[in-house]
C-alpha atoms as a PDB file:
ATOM      1  CA  UNK A   1     -26.940 -65.491 153.869  1.00  0.00           C
ATOM      2  CA  UNK A   2     -26.144 -61.803 154.462  1.00  0.00           C
ATOM      3  CA  UNK A   3     -28.522 -60.502 151.806  1.00  0.00           C
ATOM      4  CA  UNK A   4     -31.221 -62.997 152.780  1.00  0.00           C
ATOM      5  CA  UNK A   5     -30.973 -61.934 156.427  1.00  0.00           C
ATOM      6  CA  UNK A   6     -31.427 -58.194 155.854  1.00  0.00           C
ATOM      7  CA  UNK A   7     -34.106 -58.769 153.208  1.00  0.00           C
ATOM      8  CA  UNK A   8     -36.097 -60.686 155.795  1.00  0.00           C
ATOM      9  CA  UNK A   9     -35.284 -58.308 158.681  1.00  0.00           C
ATOM     10  CA  UNK A  10     -34.107 -54.891 157.421  1.00  0.00           C
ATOM     11  CA  UNK A  11     -33.430 -53.638 160.958  1.00  0.00           C
ATOM     12  CA  UNK A  12     -30.650 -56.201 161.382  1.00  0.00           C
ATOM     13  CA  UNK A  13     -27.356 -54.467 162.189  1.00  0.00           C
ATOM     14  CA  UNK A  14     -23.918 -55.361 160.852  1.00  0.00           C
ATOM     15  CA  UNK A  15     -22.989 -56.409 164.393  1.00  0.00           C
ATOM     16  CA  UNK A  16     -25.918 -58.817 164.459  1.00  0.00           C
ATOM     17  CA  UNK A  17     -24.723 -60.402 161.218  1.00  0.00           C
ATOM     18  CA  UNK A  18     -21.133 -60.632 162.441  1.00  0.00           C
ATOM     19  CA  UNK A  19     -22.310 -62.442 165.569  1.00  0.00           C
ATOM     20  CA  UNK A  20     -24.610 -64.792 163.624  1.00  0.00           C
ATOM     21  CA  UNK A  21     -21.844 -65.751 161.225  1.00  0.00           C
ATOM     22  CA  UNK A  22     -19.340 -66.241 164.046  1.00  0.00           C
ATOM     23  CA  UNK A  23     -21.731 -68.670 165.722  1.00  0.00           C
ATOM     24  CA  UNK A  24     -21.904 -70.493 162.389  1.00  0.00           C
ATOM     25  CA  UNK A  25     -18.096 -70.657 162.260  1.00  0.00           C
ATOM     26  CA  UNK A  26     -17.474 -67.838 159.747  1.00  0.00           C
ATOM     27  CA  UNK A  27     -15.528 -64.671 160.508  1.00  0.00           C
ATOM     28  CA  UNK A  28     -16.308 -61.513 158.522  1.00  0.00           C
ATOM     29  CA  UNK A  29     -15.792 -57.802 159.109  1.00  0.00           C
ATOM     30  CA  UNK A  30     -18.460 -55.103 159.148  1.00  0.00           C
ATOM     31  CA  UNK A  31     -16.820 -53.587 156.059  1.00  0.00           C
ATOM     32  CA  UNK A  32     -17.247 -56.862 154.170  1.00  0.00           C
ATOM     33  CA  UNK A  33     -20.912 -56.956 155.129  1.00  0.00           C
ATOM     34  CA  UNK A  34     -21.432 -53.380 153.945  1.00  0.00           C
ATOM     35  CA  UNK A  35     -19.690 -54.037 150.627  1.00  0.00           C
ATOM     36  CA  UNK A  36     -21.680 -57.225 150.063  1.00  0.00           C
ATOM     37  CA  UNK A  37     -25.001 -55.499 150.694  1.00  0.00           C
ATOM     38  CA  UNK A  38     -24.119 -52.489 148.564  1.00  0.00           C
ATOM     39  CA  UNK A  39     -23.301 -54.763 145.631  1.00  0.00           C
ATOM     40  CA  UNK A  40     -26.869 -56.086 146.006  1.00  0.00           C
ATOM     41  CA  UNK A  41     -28.272 -52.553 145.868  1.00  0.00           C
ATOM     42  CA  UNK A  42     -28.863 -52.306 149.616  1.00  0.00           C
ATOM     43  CA  UNK A  43     -27.700 -49.341 151.673  1.00  0.00           C
ATOM     44  CA  UNK A  44     -28.247 -48.210 155.286  1.00  0.00           C
ATOM     45  CA  UNK A  45     -31.002 -45.616 155.618  1.00  0.00           C
ATOM     46  CA  UNK A  46     -33.073 -44.111 158.399  1.00  0.00           C
ATOM     47  CA  UNK A  47     -36.348 -45.979 158.852  1.00  0.00           C
ATOM     48  CA  UNK A  48     -39.316 -43.835 157.884  1.00  0.00           C
ATOM     49  CA  UNK A  49     -41.896 -43.230 160.597  1.00  0.00           C
ATOM     50  CA  UNK A  50     -45.405 -43.921 159.326  1.00  0.00           C
ATOM     51  CA  UNK A  51     -48.815 -44.134 161.003  1.00  0.00           C
ATOM     52  CA  UNK A  52     -49.765 -47.449 162.552  1.00  0.00           C
ATOM     53  CA  UNK A  53     -52.669 -48.524 160.344  1.00  0.00           C
ATOM     54  CA  UNK A  54     -55.441 -50.985 161.063  1.00  0.00           C
ATOM     55  CA  UNK A  55     -57.542 -52.411 158.203  1.00  0.00           C
ATOM     56  CA  UNK A  56     -60.282 -49.867 158.871  1.00  0.00           C
ATOM     57  CA  UNK A  57     -57.754 -47.047 158.456  1.00  0.00           C
ATOM     58  CA  UNK A  58     -56.500 -48.529 155.193  1.00  0.00           C
ATOM     59  CA  UNK A  59     -60.041 -48.679 153.813  1.00  0.00           C
ATOM     60  CA  UNK A  60     -60.786 -45.108 154.880  1.00  0.00           C
ATOM     61  CA  UNK A  61     -57.612 -43.825 153.233  1.00  0.00           C
ATOM     62  CA  UNK A  62     -58.397 -45.726 150.045  1.00  0.00           C
ATOM     63  CA  UNK A  63     -61.924 -44.286 150.026  1.00  0.00           C
ATOM     64  CA  UNK A  64     -60.538 -40.771 150.471  1.00  0.00           C
ATOM     65  CA  UNK A  65     -58.057 -41.248 147.619  1.00  0.00           C
ATOM     66  CA  UNK A  66     -60.724 -42.553 145.255  1.00  0.00           C
ATOM     67  CA  UNK A  67     -63.128 -39.748 146.087  1.00  0.00           C
ATOM     68  CA  UNK A  68     -60.520 -37.071 145.354  1.00  0.00           C
ATOM     69  CA  UNK A  69     -58.584 -38.771 142.574  1.00  0.00           C
ATOM     70  CA  UNK A  70     -59.881 -36.456 139.853  1.00  0.00           C
ATOM     71  CA  UNK A  71     -60.128 -33.229 141.856  1.00  0.00           C
ATOM     72  CA  UNK A  72     -58.612 -30.342 139.873  1.00  0.00           C
ATOM     73  CA  UNK A  73     -55.553 -28.562 141.218  1.00  0.00           C
ATOM     74  CA  UNK A  74     -57.622 -25.432 141.831  1.00  0.00           C
ATOM     75  CA  UNK A  75     -59.664 -27.273 144.463  1.00  0.00           C
ATOM     76  CA  UNK A  76     -56.566 -28.127 146.471  1.00  0.00           C
ATOM     77  CA  UNK A  77     -55.326 -24.554 146.156  1.00  0.00           C
ATOM     78  CA  UNK A  78     -58.487 -23.463 147.974  1.00  0.00           C
ATOM     79  CA  UNK A  79     -57.780 -25.587 151.068  1.00  0.00           C
ATOM     80  CA  UNK A  80     -56.336 -24.304 154.334  1.00  0.00           C
ATOM     81  CA  UNK A  81     -54.360 -27.139 155.898  1.00  0.00           C
ATOM     82  CA  UNK A  82     -53.735 -27.185 159.643  1.00  0.00           C
ATOM     83  CA  UNK A  83     -52.075 -29.262 162.323  1.00  0.00           C
ATOM     84  CA  UNK A  84     -50.135 -29.214 165.569  1.00  0.00           C
ATOM     85  CA  UNK A  85     -46.520 -30.244 165.953  1.00  0.00           C
ATOM     86  CA  UNK A  86     -43.860 -30.499 168.658  1.00  0.00           C
ATOM     87  CA  UNK A  87     -40.441 -28.992 168.065  1.00  0.00           C
ATOM     88  CA  UNK A  88     -37.525 -30.145 170.195  1.00  0.00           C
ATOM     89  CA  UNK A  89     -34.970 -27.713 171.564  1.00  0.00           C
ATOM     90  CA  UNK A  90     -31.975 -29.976 170.967  1.00  0.00           C
ATOM     91  CA  UNK A  91     -31.497 -32.588 168.294  1.00  0.00           C
ATOM     92  CA  UNK A  92     -33.885 -34.859 166.489  1.00  0.00           C
ATOM     93  CA  UNK A  93     -35.911 -37.754 167.765  1.00  0.00           C
ATOM     94  CA  UNK A  94     -34.047 -41.048 167.653  1.00  0.00           C
ATOM     95  CA  UNK A  95     -33.853 -42.883 164.356  1.00  0.00           C
ATOM     96  CA  UNK A  96     -33.440 -46.499 163.338  1.00  0.00           C
ATOM     97  CA  UNK A  97     -31.322 -47.638 160.416  1.00  0.00           C
ATOM     98  CA  UNK A  98     -32.529 -50.188 157.904  1.00  0.00           C
ATOM     99  CA  UNK A  99     -30.981 -51.829 154.856  1.00  0.00           C
ATOM    100  CA  UNK A 100     -33.084 -51.146 151.788  1.00  0.00           C
ATOM    101  CA  UNK A 101     -32.979 -50.694 148.047  1.00  0.00           C
ATOM    102  CA  UNK A 102     -33.648 -47.445 146.231  1.00  0.00           C
ATOM    103  CA  UNK A 103     -37.284 -46.269 146.301  1.00  0.00           C
ATOM    104  CA  UNK A 104     -38.207 -48.841 148.959  1.00  0.00           C
ATOM    105  CA  UNK A 105     -38.365 -46.410 151.895  1.00  0.00           C
ATOM    106  CA  UNK A 106     -42.099 -46.900 152.425  1.00  0.00           C
ATOM    107  CA  UNK A 107     -42.136 -50.688 152.347  1.00  0.00           C
ATOM    108  CA  UNK A 108     -43.580 -51.814 155.727  1.00  0.00           C
ATOM    109  CA  UNK A 109     -40.362 -53.629 156.622  1.00  0.00           C
ATOM    110  CA  UNK A 110     -38.432 -50.385 156.235  1.00  0.00           C
ATOM    111  CA  UNK A 111     -40.664 -48.154 158.355  1.00  0.00           C
ATOM    112  CA  UNK A 112     -41.335 -47.523 162.028  1.00  0.00           C
ATOM    113  CA  UNK A 113     -45.057 -47.452 162.954  1.00  0.00           C
ATOM    114  CA  UNK A 114     -46.035 -44.419 165.021  1.00  0.00           C
ATOM    115  CA  UNK A 115     -49.078 -43.106 166.810  1.00  0.00           C
ATOM    116  CA  UNK A 116     -50.029 -39.433 166.870  1.00  0.00           C
ATOM    117  CA  UNK A 117     -48.692 -38.462 170.282  1.00  0.00           C
ATOM    118  CA  UNK A 118     -45.726 -40.154 171.532  1.00  0.00           C
ATOM    119  CA  UNK A 119     -35.643 -31.871 177.299  1.00  0.00           C
ATOM    120  CA  UNK A 120     -37.338 -29.031 176.170  1.00  0.00           C
ATOM    121  CA  UNK A 121     -39.849 -28.593 173.422  1.00  0.00           C
ATOM    122  CA  UNK A 122     -42.741 -26.412 172.355  1.00  0.00           C
ATOM    123  CA  UNK A 123     -46.073 -27.284 170.789  1.00  0.00           C
ATOM    124  CA  UNK A 124     -47.200 -25.260 167.783  1.00  0.00           C
ATOM    125  CA  UNK A 125     -50.431 -24.887 165.840  1.00  0.00           C
ATOM    126  CA  UNK A 126     -50.188 -23.621 162.296  1.00  0.00           C
ATOM    127  CA  UNK A 127     -51.953 -23.501 158.972  1.00  0.00           C
ATOM    128  CA  UNK A 128     -51.105 -22.809 155.357  1.00  0.00           C
ATOM    129  CA  UNK A 129     -52.462 -22.890 151.835  1.00  0.00           C
ATOM    130  CA  UNK A 130     -50.918 -22.967 148.387  1.00  0.00           C
ATOM    131  CA  UNK A 131     -50.516 -19.205 148.712  1.00  0.00           C
ATOM    132  CA  UNK A 132     -48.218 -19.425 151.698  1.00  0.00           C
ATOM    133  CA  UNK A 133     -48.091 -19.874 155.473  1.00  0.00           C
ATOM    134  CA  UNK A 134     -50.993 -18.739 157.608  1.00  0.00           C
ATOM    135  CA  UNK A 135     -50.661 -18.026 161.281  1.00  0.00           C
ATOM    136  CA  UNK A 136     -48.371 -19.968 163.608  1.00  0.00           C
ATOM    137  CA  UNK A 137     -48.893 -19.883 167.366  1.00  0.00           C
ATOM    138  CA  UNK A 138     -47.381 -21.567 170.367  1.00  0.00           C
ATOM    139  CA  UNK A 139     -49.718 -23.716 172.450  1.00  0.00           C
ATOM    140  CA  UNK A 140     -48.476 -23.110 175.985  1.00  0.00           C
ATOM    141  CA  UNK A 141     -50.932 -25.312 177.885  1.00  0.00           C
ATOM    142  CA  UNK A 142     -52.364 -28.751 177.391  1.00  0.00           C
ATOM    143  CA  UNK A 143     -54.867 -28.267 174.610  1.00  0.00           C
ATOM    144  CA  UNK A 144     -58.518 -29.155 175.129  1.00  0.00           C
ATOM    145  CA  UNK A 145     -61.568 -28.587 172.979  1.00  0.00           C
ATOM    146  CA  UNK A 146     -62.252 -25.110 174.338  1.00  0.00           C
ATOM    147  CA  UNK A 147     -58.667 -24.008 173.723  1.00  0.00           C
ATOM    148  CA  UNK A 148     -58.727 -25.443 170.210  1.00  0.00           C
ATOM    149  CA  UNK A 149     -61.872 -23.491 169.353  1.00  0.00           C
ATOM    150  CA  UNK A 150     -60.209 -20.394 170.776  1.00  0.00           C
ATOM    151  CA  UNK A 151     -57.224 -20.962 168.492  1.00  0.00           C
ATOM    152  CA  UNK A 152     -59.509 -21.294 165.475  1.00  0.00           C
ATOM    153  CA  UNK A 153     -61.489 -18.229 166.497  1.00  0.00           C
ATOM    154  CA  UNK A 154     -58.370 -16.074 166.759  1.00  0.00           C
ATOM    155  CA  UNK A 155     -56.327 -17.457 163.886  1.00  0.00           C
ATOM    156  CA  UNK A 156     -58.260 -19.334 161.202  1.00  0.00           C
ATOM    157  CA  UNK A 157     -60.310 -16.534 159.648  1.00  0.00           C
ATOM    158  CA  UNK A 158     -57.451 -13.999 159.905  1.00  0.00           C
ATOM    159  CA  UNK A 159     -55.259 -16.523 158.085  1.00  0.00           C
ATOM    160  CA  UNK A 160     -57.878 -16.986 155.358  1.00  0.00           C
ATOM    161  CA  UNK A 161     -58.081 -13.211 154.895  1.00  0.00           C
ATOM    162  CA  UNK A 162     -54.308 -12.774 154.819  1.00  0.00           C
ATOM    163  CA  UNK A 163     -53.974 -15.588 152.300  1.00  0.00           C
ATOM    164  CA  UNK A 164     -56.790 -14.075 150.214  1.00  0.00           C
ATOM    165  CA  UNK A 165     -58.632 -17.371 149.965  1.00  0.00           C
ATOM    166  CA  UNK A 166     -61.393 -17.609 147.397  1.00  0.00           C
ATOM    167  CA  UNK A 167     -65.036 -17.819 148.369  1.00  0.00           C
ATOM    168  CA  UNK A 168     -65.950 -21.323 149.495  1.00  0.00           C
ATOM    169  CA  UNK A 169     -62.487 -22.201 150.792  1.00  0.00           C
ATOM    170  CA  UNK A 170     -62.189 -25.465 152.690  1.00  0.00           C
ATOM    171  CA  UNK A 171     -60.640 -26.083 156.107  1.00  0.00           C
ATOM    172  CA  UNK A 172     -58.673 -29.257 156.842  1.00  0.00           C
ATOM    173  CA  UNK A 173     -57.875 -30.698 160.236  1.00  0.00           C
ATOM    174  CA  UNK A 174     -57.421 -34.277 161.370  1.00  0.00           C
ATOM    175  CA  UNK A 175     -59.600 -36.474 163.571  1.00  0.00           C
ATOM    176  CA  UNK A 176     -58.091 -35.598 166.926  1.00  0.00           C
ATOM    177  CA  UNK A 177     -60.878 -35.794 169.542  1.00  0.00           C
ATOM    178  CA  UNK A 178     -60.588 -32.034 170.142  1.00  0.00           C
ATOM    179  CA  UNK A 179     -61.204 -31.439 166.470  1.00  0.00           C
ATOM    180  CA  UNK A 180     -64.158 -33.802 166.171  1.00  0.00           C
ATOM    181  CA  UNK A 181     -65.851 -32.911 169.458  1.00  0.00           C
ATOM    182  CA  UNK A 182     -69.521 -32.024 169.124  1.00  0.00           C
ATOM    183  CA  UNK A 183     -68.880 -28.484 170.370  1.00  0.00           C
ATOM    184  CA  UNK A 184     -66.135 -27.961 167.798  1.00  0.00           C
ATOM    185  CA  UNK A 185     -68.261 -29.293 164.954  1.00  0.00           C
ATOM    186  CA  UNK A 186     -71.104 -27.019 166.031  1.00  0.00           C
ATOM    187  CA  UNK A 187     -68.782 -24.018 166.209  1.00  0.00           C
ATOM    188  CA  UNK A 188     -67.496 -24.688 162.698  1.00  0.00           C
ATOM    189  CA  UNK A 189     -71.051 -25.134 161.424  1.00  0.00           C
ATOM    190  CA  UNK A 190     -72.216 -21.850 162.930  1.00  0.00           C
ATOM    191  CA  UNK A 191     -69.242 -20.085 161.357  1.00  0.00           C
ATOM    192  CA  UNK A 192     -70.165 -21.652 157.999  1.00  0.00           C
ATOM    193  CA  UNK A 193     -66.720 -23.202 157.532  1.00  0.00           C
ATOM    194  CA  UNK A 194     -66.498 -26.037 155.035  1.00  0.00           C
ATOM    195  CA  UNK A 195     -64.474 -28.904 156.504  1.00  0.00           C
ATOM    196  CA  UNK A 196     -62.634 -31.514 154.456  1.00  0.00           C
ATOM    197  CA  UNK A 197     -63.604 -35.018 155.542  1.00  0.00           C
ATOM    198  CA  UNK A 198     -60.377 -36.639 156.686  1.00  0.00           C
ATOM    199  CA  UNK A 199     -59.421 -40.327 157.138  1.00  0.00           C
ATOM    200  CA  UNK A 200     -58.120 -41.283 160.593  1.00  0.00           C
ATOM    201  CA  UNK A 201     -54.432 -42.049 161.193  1.00  0.00           C
ATOM    202  CA  UNK A 202     -53.394 -40.104 158.093  1.00  0.00           C
ATOM    203  CA  UNK A 203     -50.969 -37.338 159.069  1.00  0.00           C
ATOM    204  CA  UNK A 204     -48.779 -38.386 156.157  1.00  0.00           C
ATOM    205  CA  UNK A 205     -51.505 -37.321 153.719  1.00  0.00           C
ATOM    206  CA  UNK A 206     -51.441 -33.771 155.045  1.00  0.00           C
ATOM    207  CA  UNK A 207     -48.992 -31.583 153.085  1.00  0.00           C
ATOM    208  CA  UNK A 208     -48.398 -29.508 156.206  1.00  0.00           C
ATOM    209  CA  UNK A 209     -46.140 -32.346 157.375  1.00  0.00           C
ATOM    210  CA  UNK A 210     -43.716 -31.248 154.663  1.00  0.00           C
ATOM    211  CA  UNK A 211     -43.966 -27.677 155.880  1.00  0.00           C
ATOM    212  CA  UNK A 212     -43.209 -28.786 159.445  1.00  0.00           C
ATOM    213  CA  UNK A 213     -40.157 -30.613 158.112  1.00  0.00           C
ATOM    214  CA  UNK A 214     -38.993 -27.461 156.344  1.00  0.00           C
ATOM    215  CA  UNK A 215     -39.521 -25.396 159.493  1.00  0.00           C
ATOM    216  CA  UNK A 216     -37.671 -27.851 161.720  1.00  0.00           C
ATOM    217  CA  UNK A 217     -34.741 -27.949 159.323  1.00  0.00           C
ATOM    218  CA  UNK A 218     -34.505 -24.164 159.269  1.00  0.00           C
ATOM    219  CA  UNK A 219     -34.776 -23.941 163.057  1.00  0.00           C
ATOM    220  CA  UNK A 220     -32.105 -26.611 163.568  1.00  0.00           C
ATOM    221  CA  UNK A 221     -29.741 -24.655 161.330  1.00  0.00           C
ATOM    222  CA  UNK A 222     -29.959 -21.702 163.730  1.00  0.00           C
ATOM    223  CA  UNK A 223     -29.327 -23.835 166.840  1.00  0.00           C
ATOM    224  CA  UNK A 224     -31.528 -22.113 169.473  1.00  0.00           C
ATOM    225  CA  UNK A 225     -30.154 -22.513 173.001  1.00  0.00           C
ATOM    226  CA  UNK A 226     -33.301 -22.033 175.098  1.00  0.00           C
ATOM    227  CA  UNK A 227     -37.072 -22.276 174.832  1.00  0.00           C
ATOM    228  CA  UNK A 228     -37.564 -18.532 174.359  1.00  0.00           C
ATOM    229  CA  UNK A 229     -35.130 -18.490 171.454  1.00  0.00           C
ATOM    230  CA  UNK A 230     -36.724 -21.635 170.023  1.00  0.00           C
ATOM    231  CA  UNK A 231     -40.136 -19.971 169.901  1.00  0.00           C
ATOM    232  CA  UNK A 232     -38.776 -16.757 168.410  1.00  0.00           C
ATOM    233  CA  UNK A 233     -36.817 -18.589 165.730  1.00  0.00           C
ATOM    234  CA  UNK A 234     -39.821 -20.759 164.845  1.00  0.00           C
ATOM    235  CA  UNK A 235     -41.903 -17.632 164.238  1.00  0.00           C
ATOM    236  CA  UNK A 236     -39.160 -15.938 162.236  1.00  0.00           C
ATOM    237  CA  UNK A 237     -38.446 -18.925 160.027  1.00  0.00           C
ATOM    238  CA  UNK A 238     -42.137 -19.698 159.478  1.00  0.00           C
ATOM    239  CA  UNK A 239     -42.665 -16.180 158.154  1.00  0.00           C
ATOM    240  CA  UNK A 240     -39.711 -16.561 155.766  1.00  0.00           C
ATOM    241  CA  UNK A 241     -40.991 -19.688 154.009  1.00  0.00           C
ATOM    242  CA  UNK A 242     -42.218 -18.422 150.614  1.00  0.00           C
ATOM    243  CA  UNK A 243     -45.288 -19.640 148.809  1.00  0.00           C
ATOM    244  CA  UNK A 244     -43.137 -20.657 145.846  1.00  0.00           C
ATOM    245  CA  UNK A 245     -41.341 -23.242 148.001  1.00  0.00           C
ATOM    246  CA  UNK A 246     -44.593 -24.556 149.454  1.00  0.00           C
ATOM    247  CA  UNK A 247     -46.331 -24.852 146.122  1.00  0.00           C
ATOM    248  CA  UNK A 248     -43.336 -26.053 144.157  1.00  0.00           C
ATOM    249  CA  UNK A 249     -42.178 -28.705 146.610  1.00  0.00           C
ATOM    250  CA  UNK A 250     -45.362 -30.034 148.136  1.00  0.00           C
ATOM    251  CA  UNK A 251     -48.139 -30.041 145.516  1.00  0.00           C
END
């Protein structure tokens, strides 16, 4: 019953199982439950957060994958990836534990669906390529289309130059309304920037998510105590991340 219960509902806690079995007239300890599940190859893990996908999103992602399946590595090395992220001053966002087997972390039962925008924190915009990090800036106000274009104007081309991107490099950003606004598309067209067509609800396909994870880990290790220190440490640690780590770990 124990294994069947967590296989059907991986978010079931040991306390839930203890209570269910007690109602059925059986007394067990949490340790017994853990040992039983481990013998079946199940262990408690943090539930992965993944985008909440509708069928149309699934089809778009599949189309994207098929279109780029045979792209050579050199093509991906000529992409500047970008995104925004929020970094918390203290601690990590809450997690949920699930019982799962090895290599089953992305099974739908073992994940927590998320949407793009859900103490103190700061919002950052950054970009990078296979050659290393580009610019990282703090977004101090609520971002709108005009502010986003200002960020691109001041940071995208300087990043491309610093990274020594080859002619014909490609810019990636997601389908946030600020990114896909008519004025933004027109601005990018006038600047002759090539833009990678991107499937909606697909932050997990963007390798910059791995770079954000690396940055947040490094920042957490230094334990900033206020927002000013948080921003300063983010900038310092971002600049320290070498291209060898980015390329070796994320491509």
